[in-house]
Amino acid sequence: MKLQQISVFIENQSGRLHEVTKLLGENSINIRALSLADTSDFGILRLIVNTPEKAYDLLKTNEFTVGRTEVLAVVVSDQPGGLAAILGCLDENSINV
């Protein structure tokens, strides 16, 4: 299924990740998945949330640098090789990940 992913630029300093998650929680936005890629100076927090439009607007209003991207979500079987099976299907159909 297609989902909206929210990407948030955050400085790599103590408490910044907490600020984002606290703001979302206080506004009843549920984080369903996240990843964080960081360097010594900054990070990109990628989020899947229950209300992406609301999260985007809220973060923008609170002066976070934020973007949106459409992503594909799949259910992966919780067993050895589950991810490989999904990736094999994508590869067979020339879909690059």
Protein backbone atom coordinates (compact mmCIF):
# COMPACT_ATOMS: atom_id res chain seq x y z
CA MET A 1 0.00 0.00 0.00
CA LYS A 2 1.13 3.58 -0.58
CA LEU A 3 1.80 5.76 2.46
CA GLN A 4 3.08 9.25 3.16
CA GLN A 5 6.48 9.38 4.86
CA ILE A 6 7.37 12.51 6.81
CA SER A 7 11.06 13.49 6.84
CA VAL A 8 12.27 15.88 9.53
CA PHE A 9 15.67 17.57 9.57
CA ILE A 10 16.92 17.79 13.15
CA GLU A 11 20.16 19.03 14.64
CA ASN A 12 22.25 16.33 16.26
CA GLN A 13 21.98 17.66 19.79
CA SER A 14 20.56 16.35 23.01
CA GLY A 15 16.77 16.57 23.27
CA ARG A 16 15.88 17.32 19.63
CA LEU A 17 14.44 13.87 18.93
CA HIS A 18 12.44 14.14 22.15
CA GLU A 19 11.04 17.52 21.03
CA VAL A 20 9.68 16.01 17.82
CA THR A 21 8.19 12.92 19.45
CA LYS A 22 6.72 14.89 22.35
CA LEU A 23 5.09 17.41 19.98
CA LEU A 24 3.53 14.62 17.95
CA GLY A 25 2.35 12.75 21.06
CA GLU A 26 0.79 15.85 22.61
CA ASN A 27 -1.21 16.26 19.41
CA SER A 28 -2.46 12.65 19.30
CA ILE A 29 -0.26 11.68 16.37
CA ASN A 30 0.83 8.04 16.59
CA ILE A 31 4.24 7.06 15.22
CA ARG A 32 3.91 3.70 13.50
CA ALA A 33 7.46 3.43 12.17
CA LEU A 34 10.62 5.51 12.17
CA SER A 35 14.19 5.54 11.04
CA LEU A 36 16.95 7.98 11.82
CA ALA A 37 20.04 8.60 9.72
CA ASP A 38 22.51 10.91 11.39
CA THR A 39 25.88 12.55 11.07
CA SER A 40 27.83 14.36 13.75
CA ASP A 41 25.91 17.59 12.95
CA PHE A 42 22.36 16.64 11.94
CA GLY A 43 19.91 13.84 11.35
CA ILE A 44 17.04 13.00 9.05
CA LEU A 45 14.15 11.46 10.95
CA ARG A 46 11.78 9.53 8.70
CA LEU A 47 8.34 8.80 10.12
CA ILE A 48 5.22 6.87 9.21
CA VAL A 49 2.37 8.28 11.31
CA ASN A 50 -1.38 7.80 11.53
CA THR A 51 -2.17 11.35 10.31
CA PRO A 52 0.62 12.50 7.96
CA GLU A 53 -1.03 15.76 6.88
CA LYS A 54 -1.60 16.82 10.48
CA ALA A 55 1.97 15.85 11.42
CA TYR A 56 3.43 17.74 8.47
CA ASP A 57 1.45 20.90 9.23
CA LEU A 58 2.23 20.70 12.96
CA LEU A 59 5.97 20.28 12.43
CA LYS A 60 6.05 23.06 9.81
CA THR A 61 4.17 25.40 12.16
CA ASN A 62 6.70 24.63 14.90
CA GLU A 63 9.56 25.62 12.56
CA PHE A 64 10.96 22.18 11.79
CA THR A 65 12.31 21.60 8.29
CA VAL A 66 10.00 18.88 7.03
CA GLY A 67 9.20 17.08 3.78
CA ARG A 68 6.79 14.44 2.49
CA THR A 69 7.42 11.45 0.26
CA GLU A 70 5.13 8.73 -0.98
CA VAL A 71 6.45 5.29 -0.01
CA LEU A 72 5.38 1.70 -0.47
CA ALA A 73 4.59 -0.36 2.64
CA VAL A 74 4.46 -4.15 2.64
CA VAL A 75 3.80 -6.74 5.33
CA VAL A 76 6.86 -8.91 5.87
CA SER A 77 6.46 -12.40 7.26
CA ASP A 78 8.10 -12.69 10.69
CA GLN A 79 10.30 -15.66 9.84
CA PRO A 80 13.76 -16.25 8.43
CA GLY A 81 13.76 -15.27 4.76
CA GLY A 82 10.61 -13.14 5.03
CA LEU A 83 12.30 -9.99 3.79
CA ALA A 84 14.21 -11.91 1.10
CA ALA A 85 10.91 -13.20 -0.32
CA ILE A 86 9.54 -9.66 -0.66
CA LEU A 87 12.78 -8.36 -2.16
CA GLY A 88 12.83 -11.30 -4.60
CA CYS A 89 9.38 -10.32 -5.88
CA LEU A 90 10.49 -6.74 -6.35
CA ASP A 91 13.70 -7.80 -8.10
CA GLU A 92 11.80 -10.13 -10.47
CA ASN A 93 9.71 -7.11 -11.51
CA SER A 94 12.74 -4.79 -11.93
CA ILE A 95 11.79 -2.63 -8.95
CA ASN A 96 14.88 -1.12 -7.35
CA VAL A 97 14.97 -0.58 -3.59
